[in-house]
């Protein structure tokens, strides 16, 4: 990304098996979860691991950077723009 990040304290990685996006107007909230076996019901449960709130322009840049990192070029997605 070309910026120098500072990490004054150790920030742990969080493994997720899924993410639920929510539109908050000018921002998006992403709730990350992990699927695991349920001890109470014997089925499957989804445990919330984190929540991240991000401005929509940053989400757009993240989509473009992710497509580039994965080598995906499809349907003009690399030229995505926000509607005003």
PDB file of N, CA and C in Angstrom:
ATOM      1  N   UNK A   1       0.817  -1.184   0.000  1.00  0.00           N
ATOM      2  CA  UNK A   1       0.000   0.000   0.000  1.00  0.00           C
ATOM      3  C   UNK A   1       0.865   1.254   0.000  1.00  0.00           C
ATOM      4  N   UNK A   2       2.129   1.123   0.370  1.00  0.00           N
ATOM      5  CA  UNK A   2       3.009   2.258   0.299  1.00  0.00           C
ATOM      6  C   UNK A   2       2.957   3.190   1.495  1.00  0.00           C
ATOM      7  N   UNK A   3       2.370   2.767   2.627  1.00  0.00           N
ATOM      8  CA  UNK A   3       2.374   3.594   3.828  1.00  0.00           C
ATOM      9  C   UNK A   3       3.108   2.840   4.930  1.00  0.00           C
ATOM     10  N   UNK A   4       3.692   3.595   5.857  1.00  0.00           N
ATOM     11  CA  UNK A   4       4.376   2.979   6.992  1.00  0.00           C
ATOM     12  C   UNK A   4       3.400   2.855   8.152  1.00  0.00           C
ATOM     13  N   UNK A   5       3.153   1.623   8.579  1.00  0.00           N
ATOM     14  CA  UNK A   5       2.246   1.375   9.699  1.00  0.00           C
ATOM     15  C   UNK A   5       3.043   1.339  10.997  1.00  0.00           C
ATOM     16  N   UNK A   6       2.477   1.885  12.062  1.00  0.00           N
ATOM     17  CA  UNK A   6       3.073   1.830  13.386  1.00  0.00           C
ATOM     18  C   UNK A   6       2.205   0.934  14.256  1.00  0.00           C
ATOM     19  N   UNK A   7       2.827   0.010  14.963  1.00  0.00           N
ATOM     20  CA  UNK A   7       2.097  -0.915  15.834  1.00  0.00           C
ATOM     21  C   UNK A   7       2.684  -0.800  17.242  1.00  0.00           C
ATOM     22  N   UNK A   8       2.203   0.201  18.039  1.00  0.00           N
ATOM     23  CA  UNK A   8       2.783   0.418  19.359  1.00  0.00           C
ATOM     24  C   UNK A   8       2.569  -0.751  20.320  1.00  0.00           C
ATOM     25  N   UNK A   9       1.512  -1.500  20.119  1.00  0.00           N
ATOM     26  CA  UNK A   9       1.302  -2.738  20.868  1.00  0.00           C
ATOM     27  C   UNK A   9       0.977  -3.829  19.852  1.00  0.00           C
ATOM     28  N   UNK A  10       1.199  -5.063  20.236  1.00  0.00           N
ATOM     29  CA  UNK A  10       0.946  -6.180  19.330  1.00  0.00           C
ATOM     30  C   UNK A  10      -0.558  -6.304  19.080  1.00  0.00           C
ATOM     31  N   UNK A  11      -0.920  -6.367  17.801  1.00  0.00           N
ATOM     32  CA  UNK A  11      -2.309  -6.553  17.401  1.00  0.00           C
ATOM     33  C   UNK A  11      -2.422  -7.962  16.833  1.00  0.00           C
ATOM     34  N   UNK A  12      -3.240  -8.776  17.468  1.00  0.00           N
ATOM     35  CA  UNK A  12      -3.368 -10.175  17.067  1.00  0.00           C
ATOM     36  C   UNK A  12      -4.148 -10.326  15.766  1.00  0.00           C
ATOM     37  N   UNK A  13      -3.739 -11.304  14.964  1.00  0.00           N
ATOM     38  CA  UNK A  13      -4.531 -11.691  13.801  1.00  0.00           C
ATOM     39  C   UNK A  13      -5.793 -12.393  14.286  1.00  0.00           C
ATOM     40  N   UNK A  14      -6.866 -12.246  13.529  1.00  0.00           N
ATOM     41  CA  UNK A  14      -8.126 -12.914  13.854  1.00  0.00           C
ATOM     42  C   UNK A  14      -8.541 -13.733  12.644  1.00  0.00           C
ATOM     43  N   UNK A  15      -8.696 -15.036  12.819  1.00  0.00           N
ATOM     44  CA  UNK A  15      -9.149 -15.911  11.741  1.00  0.00           C
ATOM     45  C   UNK A  15     -10.669 -15.892  11.708  1.00  0.00           C
ATOM     46  N   UNK A  16     -11.226 -15.725  10.511  1.00  0.00           N
ATOM     47  CA  UNK A  16     -12.675 -15.698  10.322  1.00  0.00           C
ATOM     48  C   UNK A  16     -13.077 -16.725   9.271  1.00  0.00           C
ATOM     49  N   UNK A  17     -14.266 -17.282   9.438  1.00  0.00           N
ATOM     50  CA  UNK A  17     -14.809 -18.152   8.394  1.00  0.00           C
ATOM     51  C   UNK A  17     -15.890 -17.438   7.589  1.00  0.00           C
ATOM     52  N   UNK A  18     -16.280 -16.245   8.036  1.00  0.00           N
ATOM     53  CA  UNK A  18     -17.273 -15.479   7.292  1.00  0.00           C
ATOM     54  C   UNK A  18     -17.357 -14.049   7.782  1.00  0.00           C
ATOM     55  N   UNK A  19     -17.960 -13.203   6.951  1.00  0.00           N
ATOM     56  CA  UNK A  19     -18.134 -11.781   7.262  1.00  0.00           C
ATOM     57  C   UNK A  19     -19.520 -11.359   6.798  1.00  0.00           C
ATOM     58  N   UNK A  20     -20.203 -10.601   7.638  1.00  0.00           N
ATOM     59  CA  UNK A  20     -21.511 -10.054   7.275  1.00  0.00           C
ATOM     60  C   UNK A  20     -21.371  -8.538   7.147  1.00  0.00           C
ATOM     61  N   UNK A  21     -21.596  -7.972   5.944  1.00  0.00           N
ATOM     62  CA  UNK A  21     -21.521  -6.518   5.774  1.00  0.00           C
ATOM     63  C   UNK A  21     -22.864  -5.856   6.098  1.00  0.00           C
ATOM     64  N   UNK A  22     -22.797  -4.665   6.715  1.00  0.00           N
ATOM     65  CA  UNK A  22     -23.991  -3.871   6.995  1.00  0.00           C
ATOM     66  C   UNK A  22     -23.755  -2.443   6.520  1.00  0.00           C
ATOM     67  N   UNK A  23     -24.725  -1.876   5.844  1.00  0.00           N
ATOM     68  CA  UNK A  23     -24.641  -0.503   5.354  1.00  0.00           C
ATOM     69  C   UNK A  23     -25.048   0.445   6.478  1.00  0.00           C
ATOM     70  N   UNK A  24     -24.144   1.359   6.849  1.00  0.00           N
ATOM     71  CA  UNK A  24     -24.423   2.338   7.898  1.00  0.00           C
ATOM     72  C   UNK A  24     -24.457   3.756   7.334  1.00  0.00           C
ATOM     73  N   UNK A  25     -24.855   3.896   6.098  1.00  0.00           N
ATOM     74  CA  UNK A  25     -24.868   5.213   5.471  1.00  0.00           C
ATOM     75  C   UNK A  25     -23.531   5.503   4.809  1.00  0.00           C
ATOM     76  N   UNK A  26     -22.713   6.372   5.414  1.00  0.00           N
ATOM     77  CA  UNK A  26     -21.407   6.700   4.851  1.00  0.00           C
ATOM     78  C   UNK A  26     -20.337   5.671   5.192  1.00  0.00           C
ATOM     79  N   UNK A  27     -20.666   4.754   6.091  1.00  0.00           N
ATOM     80  CA  UNK A  27     -19.726   3.712   6.521  1.00  0.00           C
ATOM     81  C   UNK A  27     -20.330   2.333   6.308  1.00  0.00           C
ATOM     82  N   UNK A  28     -19.473   1.331   6.399  1.00  0.00           N
ATOM     83  CA  UNK A  28     -19.902  -0.070   6.390  1.00  0.00           C
ATOM     84  C   UNK A  28     -19.392  -0.709   7.675  1.00  0.00           C
ATOM     85  N   UNK A  29     -20.197  -1.595   8.258  1.00  0.00           N
ATOM     86  CA  UNK A  29     -19.739  -2.381   9.402  1.00  0.00           C
ATOM     87  C   UNK A  29     -19.621  -3.828   8.925  1.00  0.00           C
ATOM     88  N   UNK A  30     -18.490  -4.437   9.209  1.00  0.00           N
ATOM     89  CA  UNK A  30     -18.254  -5.831   8.874  1.00  0.00           C
ATOM     90  C   UNK A  30     -18.158  -6.611  10.174  1.00  0.00           C
ATOM     91  N   UNK A  31     -19.070  -7.570  10.356  1.00  0.00           N
ATOM     92  CA  UNK A  31     -19.050  -8.425  11.529  1.00  0.00           C
ATOM     93  C   UNK A  31     -18.421  -9.746  11.119  1.00  0.00           C
ATOM     94  N   UNK A  32     -17.265 -10.040  11.706  1.00  0.00           N
ATOM     95  CA  UNK A  32     -16.564 -11.283  11.395  1.00  0.00           C
ATOM     96  C   UNK A  32     -16.978 -12.379  12.358  1.00  0.00           C
ATOM     97  N   UNK A  33     -17.123 -13.584  11.819  1.00  0.00           N
ATOM     98  CA  UNK A  33     -17.532 -14.704  12.666  1.00  0.00           C
ATOM     99  C   UNK A  33     -16.778 -15.973  12.299  1.00  0.00           C
ATOM    100  N   UNK A  34     -16.830 -16.935  13.227  1.00  0.00           N
ATOM    101  CA  UNK A  34     -16.285 -18.267  12.986  1.00  0.00           C
ATOM    102  C   UNK A  34     -17.390 -19.285  13.222  1.00  0.00           C
ATOM    103  N   UNK A  35     -17.444 -20.249  12.347  1.00  0.00           N
ATOM    104  CA  UNK A  35     -18.397 -21.352  12.485  1.00  0.00           C
ATOM    105  C   UNK A  35     -17.750 -22.406  13.368  1.00  0.00           C
ATOM    106  N   UNK A  36     -18.518 -22.926  14.311  1.00  0.00           N
ATOM    107  CA  UNK A  36     -18.000 -23.987  15.173  1.00  0.00           C
ATOM    108  C   UNK A  36     -19.134 -24.920  15.584  1.00  0.00           C
ATOM    109  N   UNK A  37     -18.753 -26.077  16.078  1.00  0.00           N
ATOM    110  CA  UNK A  37     -19.742 -27.012  16.596  1.00  0.00           C
ATOM    111  C   UNK A  37     -20.323 -26.460  17.889  1.00  0.00           C
ATOM    112  N   UNK A  38     -21.636 -26.566  18.042  1.00  0.00           N
ATOM    113  CA  UNK A  38     -22.309 -26.072  19.232  1.00  0.00           C
ATOM    114  C   UNK A  38     -22.279 -27.137  20.318  1.00  0.00           C
ATOM    115  N   UNK A  39     -21.872 -26.738  21.508  1.00  0.00           N
ATOM    116  CA  UNK A  39     -21.855 -27.674  22.635  1.00  0.00           C
ATOM    117  C   UNK A  39     -23.236 -27.811  23.251  1.00  0.00           C
ATOM    118  N   UNK A  40     -24.055 -26.767  23.123  1.00  0.00           N
ATOM    119  CA  UNK A  40     -25.373 -26.772  23.750  1.00  0.00           C
ATOM    120  C   UNK A  40     -26.396 -27.576  22.949  1.00  0.00           C
ATOM    121  N   UNK A  41     -26.398 -27.395  21.646  1.00  0.00           N
ATOM    122  CA  UNK A  41     -27.440 -28.003  20.828  1.00  0.00           C
ATOM    123  C   UNK A  41     -26.949 -29.195  20.023  1.00  0.00           C
ATOM    124  N   UNK A  42     -25.630 -29.362  19.932  1.00  0.00           N
ATOM    125  CA  UNK A  42     -25.091 -30.430  19.116  1.00  0.00           C
ATOM    126  C   UNK A  42     -25.063 -30.089  17.635  1.00  0.00           C
ATOM    127  N   UNK A  43     -25.380 -28.860  17.265  1.00  0.00           N
ATOM    128  CA  UNK A  43     -25.382 -28.430  15.871  1.00  0.00           C
ATOM    129  C   UNK A  43     -24.215 -27.506  15.578  1.00  0.00           C
ATOM    130  N   UNK A  44     -24.483 -26.503  14.772  1.00  0.00           N
ATOM    131  CA  UNK A  44     -23.475 -25.522  14.372  1.00  0.00           C
ATOM    132  C   UNK A  44     -23.869 -24.168  14.946  1.00  0.00           C
ATOM    133  N   UNK A  45     -22.887 -23.385  15.383  1.00  0.00           N
ATOM    134  CA  UNK A  45     -23.142 -22.022  15.815  1.00  0.00           C
ATOM    135  C   UNK A  45     -22.108 -21.102  15.182  1.00  0.00           C
ATOM    136  N   UNK A  46     -22.435 -19.828  15.141  1.00  0.00           N
ATOM    137  CA  UNK A  46     -21.575 -18.824  14.536  1.00  0.00           C
ATOM    138  C   UNK A  46     -21.207 -17.810  15.609  1.00  0.00           C
ATOM    139  N   UNK A  47     -19.923 -17.740  15.939  1.00  0.00           N
ATOM    140  CA  UNK A  47     -19.440 -16.914  17.037  1.00  0.00           C
ATOM    141  C   UNK A  47     -18.860 -15.614  16.471  1.00  0.00           C
ATOM    142  N   UNK A  48     -19.366 -14.483  16.942  1.00  0.00           N
ATOM    143  CA  UNK A  48     -18.842 -13.181  16.523  1.00  0.00           C
ATOM    144  C   UNK A  48     -17.428 -13.036  17.076  1.00  0.00           C
ATOM    145  N   UNK A  49     -16.487 -12.712  16.178  1.00  0.00           N
ATOM    146  CA  UNK A  49     -15.078 -12.580  16.549  1.00  0.00           C
ATOM    147  C   UNK A  49     -14.629 -11.123  16.586  1.00  0.00           C
ATOM    148  N   UNK A  50     -15.220 -10.292  15.711  1.00  0.00           N
ATOM    149  CA  UNK A  50     -14.865  -8.876  15.679  1.00  0.00           C
ATOM    150  C   UNK A  50     -15.890  -8.093  14.869  1.00  0.00           C
ATOM    151  N   UNK A  51     -15.825  -6.772  15.014  1.00  0.00           N
ATOM    152  CA  UNK A  51     -16.613  -5.855  14.190  1.00  0.00           C
ATOM    153  C   UNK A  51     -15.685  -4.728  13.775  1.00  0.00           C
ATOM    154  N   UNK A  52     -15.771  -4.341  12.514  1.00  0.00           N
ATOM    155  CA  UNK A  52     -14.938  -3.268  11.978  1.00  0.00           C
ATOM    156  C   UNK A  52     -15.841  -2.301  11.239  1.00  0.00           C
ATOM    157  N   UNK A  53     -15.713  -1.012  11.530  1.00  0.00           N
ATOM    158  CA  UNK A  53     -16.467   0.024  10.822  1.00  0.00           C
ATOM    159  C   UNK A  53     -15.478   0.768   9.918  1.00  0.00           C
ATOM    160  N   UNK A  54     -15.832   0.852   8.627  1.00  0.00           N
ATOM    161  CA  UNK A  54     -14.926   1.403   7.616  1.00  0.00           C
ATOM    162  C   UNK A  54     -15.698   2.370   6.722  1.00  0.00           C
ATOM    163  N   UNK A  55     -15.115   3.557   6.404  1.00  0.00           N
ATOM    164  CA  UNK A  55     -15.759   4.455   5.444  1.00  0.00           C
ATOM    165  C   UNK A  55     -15.890   3.783   4.073  1.00  0.00           C
ATOM    166  N   UNK A  56     -16.986   4.050   3.372  1.00  0.00           N
ATOM    167  CA  UNK A  56     -17.234   3.405   2.082  1.00  0.00           C
ATOM    168  C   UNK A  56     -16.107   3.603   1.064  1.00  0.00           C
ATOM    169  N   UNK A  57     -15.472   4.796   0.967  1.00  0.00           N
ATOM    170  CA  UNK A  57     -14.364   4.912   0.010  1.00  0.00           C
ATOM    171  C   UNK A  57     -13.205   3.952   0.313  1.00  0.00           C
ATOM    172  N   UNK A  58     -12.977   3.671   1.592  1.00  0.00           N
ATOM    173  CA  UNK A  58     -11.919   2.727   1.967  1.00  0.00           C
ATOM    174  C   UNK A  58     -12.319   1.298   1.573  1.00  0.00           C
ATOM    175  N   UNK A  59     -13.605   0.982   1.715  1.00  0.00           N
ATOM    176  CA  UNK A  59     -14.094  -0.336   1.282  1.00  0.00           C
ATOM    177  C   UNK A  59     -13.866  -0.499  -0.216  1.00  0.00           C
ATOM    178  N   UNK A  60     -14.168   0.534  -0.976  1.00  0.00           N
ATOM    179  CA  UNK A  60     -13.978   0.501  -2.423  1.00  0.00           C
ATOM    180  C   UNK A  60     -12.514   0.254  -2.768  1.00  0.00           C
ATOM    181  N   UNK A  61     -11.593   0.981  -2.133  1.00  0.00           N
ATOM    182  CA  UNK A  61     -10.167   0.763  -2.375  1.00  0.00           C
ATOM    183  C   UNK A  61      -9.747  -0.650  -1.990  1.00  0.00           C
ATOM    184  N   UNK A  62     -10.345  -1.165  -0.921  1.00  0.00           N
ATOM    185  CA  UNK A  62     -10.033  -2.523  -0.474  1.00  0.00           C
ATOM    186  C   UNK A  62     -10.495  -3.560  -1.497  1.00  0.00           C
ATOM    187  N   UNK A  63     -11.657  -3.346  -2.102  1.00  0.00           N
ATOM    188  CA  UNK A  63     -12.153  -4.257  -3.137  1.00  0.00           C
ATOM    189  C   UNK A  63     -11.189  -4.269  -4.318  1.00  0.00           C
ATOM    190  N   UNK A  64     -10.784  -3.078  -4.748  1.00  0.00           N
ATOM    191  CA  UNK A  64      -9.869  -2.980  -5.883  1.00  0.00           C
ATOM    192  C   UNK A  64      -8.527  -3.627  -5.571  1.00  0.00           C
ATOM    193  N   UNK A  65      -7.974  -3.377  -4.371  1.00  0.00           N
ATOM    194  CA  UNK A  65      -6.683  -3.956  -3.982  1.00  0.00           C
ATOM    195  C   UNK A  65      -6.782  -5.471  -3.854  1.00  0.00           C
ATOM    196  N   UNK A  66      -7.904  -5.961  -3.339  1.00  0.00           N
ATOM    197  CA  UNK A  66      -8.099  -7.409  -3.190  1.00  0.00           C
ATOM    198  C   UNK A  66      -8.173  -8.080  -4.555  1.00  0.00           C
ATOM    199  N   UNK A  67      -8.914  -7.471  -5.488  1.00  0.00           N
ATOM    200  CA  UNK A  67      -8.996  -8.033  -6.842  1.00  0.00           C
ATOM    201  C   UNK A  67      -7.619  -8.093  -7.481  1.00  0.00           C
ATOM    202  N   UNK A  68      -6.841  -7.037  -7.322  1.00  0.00           N
ATOM    203  CA  UNK A  68      -5.497  -7.004  -7.891  1.00  0.00           C
ATOM    204  C   UNK A  68      -4.613  -8.077  -7.252  1.00  0.00           C
ATOM    205  N   UNK A  69      -4.674  -8.191  -5.925  1.00  0.00           N
ATOM    206  CA  UNK A  69      -3.855  -9.176  -5.213  1.00  0.00           C
ATOM    207  C   UNK A  69      -4.205 -10.610  -5.615  1.00  0.00           C
ATOM    208  N   UNK A  70      -5.491 -10.847  -5.923  1.00  0.00           N
ATOM    209  CA  UNK A  70      -5.941 -12.186  -6.322  1.00  0.00           C
ATOM    210  C   UNK A  70      -5.830 -12.417  -7.825  1.00  0.00           C
ATOM    211  N   UNK A  71      -5.423 -11.391  -8.559  1.00  0.00           N
ATOM    212  CA  UNK A  71      -5.294 -11.523 -10.008  1.00  0.00           C
ATOM    213  C   UNK A  71      -6.628 -11.610 -10.718  1.00  0.00           C
ATOM    214  N   UNK A  72      -7.643 -10.941 -10.171  1.00  0.00           N
ATOM    215  CA  UNK A  72      -8.984 -10.979 -10.749  1.00  0.00           C
ATOM    216  C   UNK A  72      -9.245  -9.683 -11.512  1.00  0.00           C
ATOM    217  N   UNK A  73      -9.674  -9.805 -12.755  1.00  0.00           N
ATOM    218  CA  UNK A  73     -10.103  -8.661 -13.542  1.00  0.00           C
ATOM    219  C   UNK A  73     -11.414  -9.066 -14.193  1.00  0.00           C
ATOM    220  N   UNK A  74     -12.513  -8.523 -13.668  1.00  0.00           N
ATOM    221  CA  UNK A  74     -13.815  -8.980 -14.124  1.00  0.00           C
ATOM    222  C   UNK A  74     -14.812  -7.834 -14.172  1.00  0.00           C
ATOM    223  N   UNK A  75     -15.510  -7.728 -15.233  1.00  0.00           N
ATOM    224  CA  UNK A  75     -16.688  -6.856 -15.323  1.00  0.00           C
ATOM    225  C   UNK A  75     -16.409  -5.405 -14.976  1.00  0.00           C
ATOM    226  N   UNK A  76     -15.181  -4.940 -15.118  1.00  0.00           N
ATOM    227  CA  UNK A  76     -14.859  -3.556 -14.803  1.00  0.00           C
ATOM    228  C   UNK A  76     -14.768  -3.276 -13.319  1.00  0.00           C
ATOM    229  N   UNK A  77     -14.727  -4.308 -12.484  1.00  0.00           N
ATOM    230  CA  UNK A  77     -14.667  -4.123 -11.033  1.00  0.00           C
ATOM    231  C   UNK A  77     -13.478  -3.312 -10.583  1.00  0.00           C
ATOM    232  N   UNK A  78     -12.388  -3.378 -11.355  1.00  0.00           N
ATOM    233  CA  UNK A  78     -11.199  -2.606 -10.986  1.00  0.00           C
ATOM    234  C   UNK A  78     -11.420  -1.109 -11.179  1.00  0.00           C
ATOM    235  N   UNK A  79     -12.516  -0.730 -11.858  1.00  0.00           N
ATOM    236  CA  UNK A  79     -12.831   0.684 -12.066  1.00  0.00           C
ATOM    237  C   UNK A  79     -14.063   1.103 -11.262  1.00  0.00           C
ATOM    238  N   UNK A  80     -14.365   0.421 -10.190  1.00  0.00           N
ATOM    239  CA  UNK A  80     -15.546   0.722  -9.374  1.00  0.00           C
ATOM    240  C   UNK A  80     -15.519   2.157  -8.864  1.00  0.00           C
ATOM    241  N   UNK A  81     -16.676   2.769  -8.803  1.00  0.00           N
ATOM    242  CA  UNK A  81     -16.814   4.130  -8.294  1.00  0.00           C
ATOM    243  C   UNK A  81     -18.016   4.171  -7.348  1.00  0.00           C
ATOM    244  N   UNK A  82     -17.944   5.051  -6.361  1.00  0.00           N
ATOM    245  CA  UNK A  82     -19.086   5.246  -5.467  1.00  0.00           C
ATOM    246  C   UNK A  82     -20.114   6.147  -6.122  1.00  0.00           C
ATOM    247  N   UNK A  83     -21.395   5.830  -5.959  1.00  0.00           N
ATOM    248  CA  UNK A  83     -22.469   6.711  -6.426  1.00  0.00           C
ATOM    249  C   UNK A  83     -22.706   7.789  -5.395  1.00  0.00           C
ATOM    250  N   UNK A  84     -22.929   9.017  -5.848  1.00  0.00           N
ATOM    251  CA  UNK A  84     -23.188  10.120  -4.909  1.00  0.00           C
ATOM    252  C   UNK A  84     -24.630  10.515  -4.975  1.00  0.00           C
TER     253      UNK A  84
END
